[in-house]
N, C-alpha and C. Protein backbone atom coordinates (compact mmCIF):
# COMPACT_ATOMS: atom_id res chain seq x y z
N GLN A 1 0.83 -1.21 0.00
CA GLN A 1 0.00 0.00 0.00
C GLN A 1 0.86 1.25 0.00
N VAL A 2 0.30 2.28 -0.58
CA VAL A 2 0.97 3.59 -0.64
C VAL A 2 0.01 4.63 -0.12
N GLN A 3 0.49 5.49 0.75
CA GLN A 3 -0.32 6.58 1.28
C GLN A 3 0.24 7.91 0.76
N LEU A 4 -0.66 8.80 0.39
CA LEU A 4 -0.28 10.10 -0.16
C LEU A 4 -0.99 11.21 0.61
N VAL A 5 -0.23 12.23 0.99
CA VAL A 5 -0.80 13.36 1.71
C VAL A 5 -0.40 14.65 1.00
N GLU A 6 -1.42 15.39 0.55
CA GLU A 6 -1.18 16.66 -0.14
C GLU A 6 -1.26 17.83 0.83
N SER A 7 -0.58 18.90 0.46
CA SER A 7 -0.69 20.15 1.21
C SER A 7 -0.35 21.31 0.29
N GLY A 8 -0.68 22.52 0.73
CA GLY A 8 -0.27 23.71 -0.01
C GLY A 8 -1.37 24.43 -0.76
N GLY A 9 -2.58 23.88 -0.76
CA GLY A 9 -3.67 24.56 -1.45
C GLY A 9 -4.10 25.82 -0.71
N GLY A 10 -4.97 26.58 -1.36
CA GLY A 10 -5.47 27.79 -0.73
C GLY A 10 -6.06 28.74 -1.74
N LEU A 11 -6.29 29.96 -1.28
CA LEU A 11 -6.87 31.02 -2.11
C LEU A 11 -5.74 31.92 -2.61
N VAL A 12 -5.74 32.19 -3.90
CA VAL A 12 -4.71 33.05 -4.48
C VAL A 12 -5.35 33.91 -5.56
N GLN A 13 -4.82 35.10 -5.74
CA GLN A 13 -5.34 35.98 -6.77
C GLN A 13 -4.83 35.57 -8.14
N PRO A 14 -5.57 35.92 -9.19
CA PRO A 14 -5.08 35.64 -10.55
C PRO A 14 -3.68 36.24 -10.76
N GLY A 15 -2.83 35.45 -11.40
CA GLY A 15 -1.45 35.87 -11.61
C GLY A 15 -0.51 35.46 -10.50
N GLY A 16 -1.07 34.96 -9.41
CA GLY A 16 -0.26 34.57 -8.27
C GLY A 16 0.32 33.17 -8.41
N SER A 17 0.99 32.72 -7.35
CA SER A 17 1.66 31.43 -7.35
C SER A 17 1.31 30.62 -6.10
N LEU A 18 1.38 29.32 -6.24
CA LEU A 18 1.24 28.40 -5.12
C LEU A 18 2.14 27.21 -5.38
N ARG A 19 2.57 26.55 -4.30
CA ARG A 19 3.31 25.31 -4.45
C ARG A 19 2.62 24.22 -3.66
N LEU A 20 2.23 23.17 -4.36
CA LEU A 20 1.62 22.02 -3.73
C LEU A 20 2.69 20.97 -3.42
N SER A 21 2.48 20.26 -2.32
CA SER A 21 3.39 19.19 -1.93
C SER A 21 2.61 17.90 -1.75
N CYS A 22 3.24 16.79 -2.06
CA CYS A 22 2.64 15.47 -1.86
C CYS A 22 3.71 14.56 -1.28
N THR A 23 3.49 14.11 -0.06
CA THR A 23 4.43 13.22 0.59
C THR A 23 3.89 11.80 0.58
N ALA A 24 4.72 10.88 0.13
CA ALA A 24 4.33 9.48 0.00
C ALA A 24 4.94 8.65 1.12
N SER A 25 4.22 7.62 1.52
CA SER A 25 4.73 6.67 2.51
C SER A 25 4.18 5.29 2.17
N GLY A 26 4.79 4.28 2.76
CA GLY A 26 4.35 2.92 2.50
C GLY A 26 5.30 2.19 1.57
N SER A 27 4.74 1.40 0.70
CA SER A 27 5.54 0.55 -0.19
C SER A 27 5.99 1.36 -1.41
N LEU A 28 6.95 2.23 -1.18
CA LEU A 28 7.35 3.16 -2.22
C LEU A 28 8.08 2.48 -3.37
N PHE A 29 8.62 1.30 -3.14
CA PHE A 29 9.33 0.61 -4.22
C PHE A 29 8.39 0.28 -5.36
N ARG A 30 7.09 0.28 -5.05
CA ARG A 30 6.11 -0.04 -6.08
C ARG A 30 5.89 1.10 -7.08
N ILE A 31 6.25 2.31 -6.68
CA ILE A 31 5.87 3.49 -7.46
C ILE A 31 6.78 3.68 -8.67
N ASN A 32 6.18 3.79 -9.85
CA ASN A 32 6.92 4.06 -11.08
C ASN A 32 6.83 5.53 -11.49
N SER A 33 5.72 6.15 -11.18
CA SER A 33 5.57 7.56 -11.49
C SER A 33 4.61 8.19 -10.50
N MET A 34 4.74 9.50 -10.37
CA MET A 34 3.81 10.26 -9.54
C MET A 34 3.33 11.46 -10.33
N GLY A 35 2.21 11.99 -9.90
CA GLY A 35 1.69 13.12 -10.64
C GLY A 35 0.59 13.85 -9.92
N TRP A 36 0.12 14.88 -10.58
CA TRP A 36 -0.98 15.69 -10.08
C TRP A 36 -2.11 15.69 -11.09
N TYR A 37 -3.31 15.53 -10.57
CA TYR A 37 -4.53 15.64 -11.35
C TYR A 37 -5.40 16.68 -10.67
N ARG A 38 -6.39 17.17 -11.40
CA ARG A 38 -7.30 18.13 -10.80
C ARG A 38 -8.72 17.89 -11.29
N GLN A 39 -9.65 18.31 -10.45
CA GLN A 39 -11.07 18.18 -10.80
C GLN A 39 -11.78 19.45 -10.40
N ALA A 40 -12.28 20.15 -11.40
CA ALA A 40 -13.06 21.35 -11.15
C ALA A 40 -14.53 20.96 -10.96
N ALA A 41 -15.28 21.83 -10.37
CA ALA A 41 -16.69 21.56 -10.10
C ALA A 41 -17.42 21.26 -11.40
N GLY A 42 -18.11 20.13 -11.42
CA GLY A 42 -18.90 19.76 -12.57
C GLY A 42 -18.11 19.19 -13.74
N LYS A 43 -16.82 18.96 -13.53
CA LYS A 43 -15.98 18.44 -14.61
C LYS A 43 -15.30 17.14 -14.18
N GLU A 44 -14.78 16.45 -15.17
CA GLU A 44 -14.06 15.21 -14.89
C GLU A 44 -12.64 15.51 -14.41
N ARG A 45 -12.08 14.56 -13.69
CA ARG A 45 -10.69 14.69 -13.25
C ARG A 45 -9.78 14.66 -14.47
N GLU A 46 -8.78 15.54 -14.47
CA GLU A 46 -7.87 15.61 -15.61
C GLU A 46 -6.42 15.64 -15.14
N LEU A 47 -5.55 15.15 -16.01
CA LEU A 47 -4.12 15.15 -15.70
C LEU A 47 -3.57 16.58 -15.74
N VAL A 48 -2.71 16.89 -14.78
CA VAL A 48 -2.02 18.18 -14.77
C VAL A 48 -0.55 17.96 -15.14
N ALA A 49 0.13 17.08 -14.41
CA ALA A 49 1.55 16.83 -14.66
C ALA A 49 1.95 15.51 -14.02
N THR A 50 2.93 14.85 -14.63
CA THR A 50 3.48 13.63 -14.07
C THR A 50 5.00 13.65 -14.13
N ILE A 51 5.61 12.85 -13.27
CA ILE A 51 7.06 12.71 -13.27
C ILE A 51 7.40 11.25 -12.98
N THR A 52 8.31 10.70 -13.76
CA THR A 52 8.67 9.30 -13.61
C THR A 52 9.89 9.14 -12.71
N ARG A 53 10.21 7.87 -12.43
CA ARG A 53 11.41 7.59 -11.65
C ARG A 53 12.66 8.18 -12.29
N GLY A 54 12.64 8.20 -13.62
CA GLY A 54 13.78 8.74 -14.36
C GLY A 54 13.70 10.24 -14.57
N ASP A 55 12.75 10.88 -13.89
CA ASP A 55 12.57 12.33 -13.94
C ASP A 55 12.05 12.84 -15.28
N SER A 56 11.45 11.97 -16.08
CA SER A 56 10.76 12.45 -17.26
C SER A 56 9.45 13.08 -16.83
N THR A 57 9.13 14.21 -17.42
CA THR A 57 7.92 14.93 -17.03
C THR A 57 6.95 15.06 -18.20
N ASN A 58 5.69 15.23 -17.84
CA ASN A 58 4.64 15.40 -18.83
C ASN A 58 3.65 16.41 -18.28
N TYR A 59 3.17 17.31 -19.11
CA TYR A 59 2.25 18.34 -18.67
C TYR A 59 1.04 18.43 -19.59
N ALA A 60 -0.09 18.80 -19.00
CA ALA A 60 -1.24 19.15 -19.80
C ALA A 60 -0.94 20.43 -20.56
N ASP A 61 -1.48 20.53 -21.77
CA ASP A 61 -1.22 21.72 -22.58
C ASP A 61 -1.64 23.00 -21.85
N SER A 62 -2.68 22.91 -21.06
CA SER A 62 -3.23 24.09 -20.41
C SER A 62 -2.31 24.67 -19.33
N VAL A 63 -1.32 23.89 -18.88
CA VAL A 63 -0.44 24.37 -17.81
C VAL A 63 1.02 24.49 -18.24
N LYS A 64 1.32 24.08 -19.45
CA LYS A 64 2.71 24.15 -19.93
C LYS A 64 3.22 25.58 -19.87
N GLY A 65 4.44 25.72 -19.35
CA GLY A 65 5.03 27.04 -19.23
C GLY A 65 4.64 27.77 -17.96
N ARG A 66 3.64 27.27 -17.25
CA ARG A 66 3.19 27.93 -16.01
C ARG A 66 3.43 27.05 -14.78
N PHE A 67 3.26 25.73 -14.94
CA PHE A 67 3.41 24.80 -13.83
C PHE A 67 4.69 23.98 -14.01
N SER A 68 5.25 23.57 -12.88
CA SER A 68 6.45 22.75 -12.92
C SER A 68 6.38 21.67 -11.84
N ILE A 69 6.59 20.42 -12.24
CA ILE A 69 6.58 19.30 -11.30
C ILE A 69 8.01 18.89 -10.99
N SER A 70 8.27 18.57 -9.73
CA SER A 70 9.60 18.14 -9.33
C SER A 70 9.48 17.17 -8.16
N ARG A 71 10.59 16.55 -7.80
CA ARG A 71 10.55 15.57 -6.72
C ARG A 71 11.80 15.69 -5.86
N ASP A 72 11.64 15.35 -4.59
CA ASP A 72 12.74 15.26 -3.64
C ASP A 72 12.73 13.83 -3.11
N ASN A 73 13.59 12.99 -3.65
CA ASN A 73 13.57 11.58 -3.28
C ASN A 73 13.89 11.37 -1.80
N ALA A 74 14.74 12.21 -1.24
CA ALA A 74 15.11 12.06 0.17
C ALA A 74 13.91 12.28 1.09
N LYS A 75 12.98 13.10 0.63
CA LYS A 75 11.79 13.41 1.44
C LYS A 75 10.56 12.66 0.95
N ASN A 76 10.71 11.84 -0.07
CA ASN A 76 9.57 11.11 -0.67
C ASN A 76 8.44 12.09 -1.01
N THR A 77 8.81 13.21 -1.57
CA THR A 77 7.84 14.27 -1.82
C THR A 77 7.91 14.74 -3.26
N VAL A 78 6.76 14.99 -3.82
CA VAL A 78 6.62 15.57 -5.14
C VAL A 78 5.96 16.93 -5.00
N TYR A 79 6.45 17.87 -5.78
CA TYR A 79 5.95 19.24 -5.71
C TYR A 79 5.31 19.64 -7.04
N LEU A 80 4.37 20.58 -6.95
CA LEU A 80 3.81 21.20 -8.14
C LEU A 80 3.88 22.71 -7.92
N GLN A 81 4.81 23.35 -8.61
CA GLN A 81 4.92 24.80 -8.56
C GLN A 81 3.99 25.38 -9.60
N MET A 82 3.06 26.21 -9.15
CA MET A 82 2.06 26.78 -10.04
C MET A 82 2.23 28.29 -10.08
N ASN A 83 2.55 28.81 -11.25
CA ASN A 83 2.74 30.24 -11.44
C ASN A 83 1.70 30.78 -12.43
N SER A 84 1.56 32.07 -12.44
CA SER A 84 0.62 32.73 -13.36
C SER A 84 -0.75 32.06 -13.31
N LEU A 85 -1.24 31.86 -12.12
CA LEU A 85 -2.51 31.14 -11.94
C LEU A 85 -3.67 31.92 -12.53
N LYS A 86 -4.62 31.14 -13.07
CA LYS A 86 -5.81 31.70 -13.71
C LYS A 86 -7.04 31.19 -12.97
N PRO A 87 -8.16 31.90 -13.07
CA PRO A 87 -9.39 31.41 -12.42
C PRO A 87 -9.75 29.99 -12.88
N GLU A 88 -9.45 29.66 -14.11
CA GLU A 88 -9.77 28.32 -14.61
C GLU A 88 -8.89 27.22 -14.02
N ASP A 89 -7.88 27.60 -13.25
CA ASP A 89 -7.07 26.61 -12.53
C ASP A 89 -7.74 26.19 -11.22
N THR A 90 -8.82 26.85 -10.87
CA THR A 90 -9.53 26.50 -9.64
C THR A 90 -10.04 25.07 -9.71
N ALA A 91 -9.66 24.28 -8.71
CA ALA A 91 -10.04 22.87 -8.69
C ALA A 91 -9.52 22.22 -7.42
N ILE A 92 -9.95 21.01 -7.19
CA ILE A 92 -9.31 20.18 -6.18
C ILE A 92 -8.16 19.45 -6.88
N TYR A 93 -6.98 19.56 -6.31
CA TYR A 93 -5.80 18.94 -6.89
C TYR A 93 -5.47 17.66 -6.11
N TYR A 94 -5.33 16.58 -6.86
CA TYR A 94 -5.07 15.27 -6.26
C TYR A 94 -3.68 14.78 -6.65
N CYS A 95 -3.01 14.23 -5.67
CA CYS A 95 -1.73 13.57 -5.92
C CYS A 95 -1.99 12.12 -6.30
N ASN A 96 -1.21 11.63 -7.24
CA ASN A 96 -1.36 10.26 -7.71
C ASN A 96 -0.01 9.56 -7.74
N ALA A 97 -0.02 8.30 -7.37
CA ALA A 97 1.16 7.44 -7.52
C ALA A 97 0.74 6.21 -8.29
N TYR A 98 1.53 5.87 -9.30
CA TYR A 98 1.17 4.74 -10.16
C TYR A 98 2.23 3.66 -10.08
N SER A 99 1.75 2.43 -9.98
CA SER A 99 2.66 1.29 -9.92
C SER A 99 2.36 0.35 -11.07
N LEU A 100 3.41 -0.06 -11.78
CA LEU A 100 3.24 -1.04 -12.84
C LEU A 100 2.88 -2.40 -12.27
N ILE A 101 3.19 -2.63 -11.00
CA ILE A 101 2.85 -3.89 -10.34
C ILE A 101 1.35 -3.91 -10.13
N GLY A 102 0.69 -4.69 -10.94
CA GLY A 102 -0.76 -4.77 -10.84
C GLY A 102 -1.48 -3.56 -11.39
N ALA A 103 -0.73 -2.68 -12.05
CA ALA A 103 -1.32 -1.46 -12.62
C ALA A 103 -2.15 -0.73 -11.56
N MET A 104 -1.54 -0.55 -10.38
CA MET A 104 -2.25 0.08 -9.26
C MET A 104 -2.05 1.59 -9.28
N SER A 105 -3.12 2.30 -8.97
CA SER A 105 -3.09 3.76 -8.90
C SER A 105 -3.54 4.16 -7.51
N TYR A 106 -2.74 4.97 -6.85
CA TYR A 106 -3.05 5.43 -5.49
C TYR A 106 -3.34 6.93 -5.53
N TRP A 107 -4.26 7.36 -4.67
CA TRP A 107 -4.69 8.76 -4.67
C TRP A 107 -4.63 9.36 -3.28
N GLY A 108 -4.29 10.64 -3.22
CA GLY A 108 -4.44 11.39 -2.00
C GLY A 108 -5.87 11.89 -1.89
N LYS A 109 -6.16 12.59 -0.79
CA LYS A 109 -7.52 13.07 -0.56
C LYS A 109 -7.80 14.38 -1.28
N GLY A 110 -6.75 15.04 -1.74
CA GLY A 110 -6.93 16.27 -2.50
C GLY A 110 -6.74 17.53 -1.68
N THR A 111 -6.37 18.59 -2.37
CA THR A 111 -6.23 19.91 -1.74
C THR A 111 -6.85 20.94 -2.67
N LEU A 112 -7.62 21.85 -2.10
CA LEU A 112 -8.38 22.80 -2.90
C LEU A 112 -7.53 24.02 -3.24
N VAL A 113 -7.53 24.36 -4.53
CA VAL A 113 -6.89 25.57 -5.02
C VAL A 113 -7.97 26.46 -5.61
N THR A 114 -8.06 27.67 -5.09
CA THR A 114 -9.04 28.63 -5.57
C THR A 114 -8.31 29.86 -6.08
N VAL A 115 -8.55 30.21 -7.33
CA VAL A 115 -7.92 31.39 -7.94
C VAL A 115 -9.02 32.42 -8.18
N SER A 116 -8.99 33.46 -7.39
CA SER A 116 -10.06 34.45 -7.46
C SER A 116 -9.59 35.78 -6.89
N SER A 117 -10.14 36.84 -7.43
CA SER A 117 -9.83 38.17 -6.90
C SER A 117 -10.89 38.60 -5.89
């Protein structure tokens, strides 16, 4: 099992920045990649960014150039630096860990990001 705990959400004005953190614990050897997804009210959950064990990254087109995903292996933590935030970035942001072993996907409980003036 893998446990994920997110932090760093909150209220920010348009154009502002936030950094989300996700700390993993448990059977970390199972994890092949980690990432962030988001779900806005009335919409489906969508991918924001992912990072693999080899530090390959992938971003949704809507956040390219504004968001950056990174990891600190010593702290078992993945970060999402969000800059130039827009109202349409408002959503609950979920941390995800994916394991090729059994194609298992683990989720955190989410952290709310609200971009509003």
